[in-house]
Protein backbone atom coordinates (compact mmCIF):
# COMPACT_ATOMS: atom_id res chain seq x y z
CA MET A 1 -27.56 19.58 41.76
CA LYS A 2 -29.08 19.51 38.95
CA THR A 3 -25.89 21.05 36.82
CA GLU A 4 -23.50 18.74 38.16
CA GLY A 5 -25.78 16.08 37.00
CA LEU A 6 -26.23 17.66 33.40
CA TRP A 7 -21.91 17.88 33.19
CA ILE A 8 -21.41 14.29 34.00
CA TRP A 9 -23.71 13.38 31.83
CA LEU A 10 -23.10 16.08 29.26
CA ALA A 11 -19.08 14.61 30.22
CA LEU A 12 -20.57 10.48 29.50
CA SER A 13 -22.31 10.51 26.33
CA ALA A 14 -19.46 13.24 24.21
CA PRO A 15 -17.90 10.84 21.58
CA LEU A 16 -14.37 10.00 22.73
CA VAL A 17 -11.44 11.03 20.06
CA ALA A 18 -9.58 7.95 20.13
CA GLN A 19 -12.36 6.35 18.37
CA MET A 20 -11.19 5.50 15.18
CA ASP A 21 -7.92 5.65 13.70
CA PHE A 22 -7.75 6.41 10.34
CA ALA A 23 -3.49 6.11 10.56
CA GLY A 24 -2.38 3.69 7.92
CA GLU A 25 -1.46 3.43 4.14
CA TRP A 26 -3.87 3.86 2.11
CA ALA A 27 -2.84 2.06 -1.12
CA PRO A 28 -4.15 -0.56 -2.70
CA VAL A 29 -1.72 -2.95 -1.96
CA GLN A 30 -0.07 -4.83 -4.51
CA ASP A 31 1.51 -8.81 -3.64
CA GLU A 32 2.53 -9.56 -7.09
CA ASP A 33 4.82 -9.45 -9.56
CA ASN A 34 3.32 -9.33 -12.35
CA THR A 35 0.56 -7.32 -11.44
CA GLY A 36 -1.12 -4.94 -14.81
CA ASN A 37 1.44 -6.80 -16.78
CA PRO A 38 1.02 -9.07 -19.43
CA HIS A 39 2.34 -12.50 -18.47
CA ILE A 40 6.53 -13.50 -19.70
CA GLY A 41 5.90 -14.73 -24.04
CA GLU A 42 2.34 -13.37 -23.53
CA PHE A 43 2.23 -11.46 -27.32
CA ILE A 44 -0.92 -11.43 -27.87
CA GLY A 45 -2.34 -8.30 -29.62
CA ILE A 46 1.18 -7.23 -30.98
CA PRO A 47 3.01 -7.14 -34.35
CA MET A 48 5.36 -8.50 -33.89
CA SER A 49 8.10 -10.07 -37.10
CA GLU A 50 10.21 -13.71 -36.48
CA ALA A 51 13.35 -11.70 -35.31
CA GLY A 52 11.52 -9.58 -32.97
CA ARG A 53 10.37 -12.41 -31.43
CA LEU A 54 13.29 -14.75 -30.71
CA ARG A 55 14.89 -11.59 -29.13
CA SER A 56 11.87 -10.98 -26.71
CA GLU A 57 12.11 -14.90 -25.63
CA ALA A 58 16.12 -13.92 -25.86
CA TRP A 59 15.72 -11.96 -23.14
CA SER A 60 16.64 -13.09 -19.58
CA SER A 61 16.09 -11.16 -15.71
CA SER A 62 19.52 -11.99 -14.85
CA TYR A 63 20.09 -8.58 -17.12
CA MET A 64 19.54 -6.97 -14.37
CA THR A 65 22.61 -7.92 -12.62
CA LEU A 66 25.55 -6.47 -14.59
CA PRO A 67 26.75 -3.36 -13.73
CA GLU A 68 25.35 -1.33 -16.81
CA TRP A 69 22.33 -2.19 -16.44
CA GLN A 70 22.03 -1.32 -12.31
CA CYS A 71 20.31 2.08 -12.58
CA ARG A 72 17.72 1.70 -14.62
CA PRO A 73 14.80 2.69 -13.78
CA HIS A 74 12.45 0.42 -12.84
CA GLY A 75 9.01 -0.36 -14.85
CA ALA A 76 5.59 1.41 -14.51
CA MET A 77 3.62 -0.91 -12.16
CA TYR A 78 6.65 -1.07 -10.10
CA ILE A 79 8.36 2.27 -9.76
CA SER A 80 6.10 3.03 -6.95
CA ARG A 81 6.52 0.68 -4.48
CA GLY A 82 10.31 -0.04 -5.41
CA PRO A 83 12.74 1.60 -4.03
CA SER A 84 12.70 5.68 -5.36
CA GLN A 85 11.29 8.91 -4.25
CA VAL A 86 7.96 8.62 -6.48
CA ARG A 87 5.31 8.55 -4.94
């Protein structure tokens, strides 16, 4: 009788296997597109001529819709979250 009670006590006092769940995405979530990147038009600390400043301000994100720009790789801050095989 004591042996049966001991086995029951040991079975009830043992921790359950399913008490911890480590599943999930263990990566920092970056919810903003500009995380780690300067804001558009922010050129502080970059030595730039007037021609370079005009060219940088004339850039438009609609260039990405041109067929010849479709296969360009993504930027460093987006490449690990975007549609690529870099992980």
